[in-house]
């Protein structure tokens, strides 16, 4: 699904992953 909410969640997770690294 390419919904705005899904995109927001994906970006948030990506940001968290980079911060953890």
PDB file of N, CA and C in Angstrom:
ATOM      1  N   UNK A   1       0.849  -1.217   0.000  1.00  0.00           N
ATOM      2  CA  UNK A   1       0.000   0.000   0.000  1.00  0.00           C
ATOM      3  C   UNK A   1       0.878   1.257   0.000  1.00  0.00           C
ATOM      4  N   UNK A   2       0.544   2.177  -0.839  1.00  0.00           N
ATOM      5  CA  UNK A   2       1.338   3.411  -0.911  1.00  0.00           C
ATOM      6  C   UNK A   2       0.529   4.575  -0.346  1.00  0.00           C
ATOM      7  N   UNK A   3       0.214   4.472   0.925  1.00  0.00           N
ATOM      8  CA  UNK A   3      -0.596   5.529   1.542  1.00  0.00           C
ATOM      9  C   UNK A   3       0.315   6.512   2.281  1.00  0.00           C
ATOM     10  N   UNK A   4      -0.090   7.744   2.397  1.00  0.00           N
ATOM     11  CA  UNK A   4       0.721   8.758   3.101  1.00  0.00           C
ATOM     12  C   UNK A   4       1.141   8.261   4.481  1.00  0.00           C
ATOM     13  N   UNK A   5       0.231   7.614   5.188  1.00  0.00           N
ATOM     14  CA  UNK A   5       0.578   7.136   6.538  1.00  0.00           C
ATOM     15  C   UNK A   5       1.679   6.094   6.444  1.00  0.00           C
ATOM     16  N   UNK A   6       1.534   5.176   5.511  1.00  0.00           N
ATOM     17  CA  UNK A   6       2.564   4.135   5.364  1.00  0.00           C
ATOM     18  C   UNK A   6       3.906   4.780   5.040  1.00  0.00           C
ATOM     19  N   UNK A   7       3.903   5.740   4.171  1.00  0.00           N
ATOM     20  CA  UNK A   7       5.165   6.412   3.797  1.00  0.00           C
ATOM     21  C   UNK A   7       5.774   7.079   5.027  1.00  0.00           C
ATOM     22  N   UNK A   8       4.946   7.709   5.816  1.00  0.00           N
ATOM     23  CA  UNK A   8       5.445   8.381   7.017  1.00  0.00           C
ATOM     24  C   UNK A   8       6.098   7.359   7.939  1.00  0.00           C
ATOM     25  N   UNK A   9       5.436   6.228   8.123  1.00  0.00           N
ATOM     26  CA  UNK A   9       5.985   5.196   9.018  1.00  0.00           C
ATOM     27  C   UNK A   9       7.311   4.684   8.454  1.00  0.00           C
ATOM     28  N   UNK A  10       7.354   4.440   7.160  1.00  0.00           N
ATOM     29  CA  UNK A  10       8.597   3.927   6.559  1.00  0.00           C
ATOM     30  C   UNK A  10       9.724   4.933   6.757  1.00  0.00           C
ATOM     31  N   UNK A  11       9.469   6.192   6.537  1.00  0.00           N
ATOM     32  CA  UNK A  11      10.517   7.203   6.709  1.00  0.00           C
ATOM     33  C   UNK A  11      10.952   7.262   8.170  1.00  0.00           C
ATOM     34  N   UNK A  12       9.992   7.165   9.075  1.00  0.00           N
ATOM     35  CA  UNK A  12      10.322   7.226  10.504  1.00  0.00           C
ATOM     36  C   UNK A  12      11.224   6.053  10.867  1.00  0.00           C
ATOM     37  N   UNK A  13      10.878   4.862  10.406  1.00  0.00           N
ATOM     38  CA  UNK A  13      11.697   3.681  10.723  1.00  0.00           C
ATOM     39  C   UNK A  13      13.093   3.858  10.135  1.00  0.00           C
ATOM     40  N   UNK A  14      13.175   4.361   8.921  1.00  0.00           N
ATOM     41  CA  UNK A  14      14.475   4.559   8.284  1.00  0.00           C
ATOM     42  C   UNK A  14      15.311   5.523   9.127  1.00  0.00           C
ATOM     43  N   UNK A  15      14.714   6.583   9.582  1.00  0.00           N
ATOM     44  CA  UNK A  15      15.432   7.561  10.391  1.00  0.00           C
ATOM     45  C   UNK A  15      15.930   6.911  11.682  1.00  0.00           C
ATOM     46  N   UNK A  16      15.087   6.094  12.288  1.00  0.00           N
ATOM     47  CA  UNK A  16      15.480   5.423  13.534  1.00  0.00           C
ATOM     48  C   UNK A  16      16.652   4.485  13.257  1.00  0.00           C
ATOM     49  N   UNK A  17      16.576   3.730  12.153  1.00  0.00           N
ATOM     50  CA  UNK A  17      17.663   2.806  11.818  1.00  0.00           C
ATOM     51  C   UNK A  17      18.980   3.573  11.681  1.00  0.00           C
ATOM     52  N   UNK A  18      18.968   4.679  10.983  1.00  0.00           N
ATOM     53  CA  UNK A  18      20.204   5.457  10.801  1.00  0.00           C
ATOM     54  C   UNK A  18      20.706   5.971  12.147  1.00  0.00           C
ATOM     55  N   UNK A  19      19.794   6.402  13.002  1.00  0.00           N
ATOM     56  CA  UNK A  19      20.210   6.927  14.306  1.00  0.00           C
ATOM     57  C   UNK A  19      20.821   5.809  15.141  1.00  0.00           C
ATOM     58  N   UNK A  20      20.228   4.625  15.076  1.00  0.00           N
ATOM     59  CA  UNK A  20      20.762   3.499  15.853  1.00  0.00           C
ATOM     60  C   UNK A  20      22.168   3.163  15.367  1.00  0.00           C
ATOM     61  N   UNK A  21      22.349   3.243  14.038  1.00  0.00           N
ATOM     62  CA  UNK A  21      23.673   2.942  13.498  1.00  0.00           C
ATOM     63  C   UNK A  21      24.630   4.051  13.916  1.00  0.00           C
TER      64      UNK A  21
END
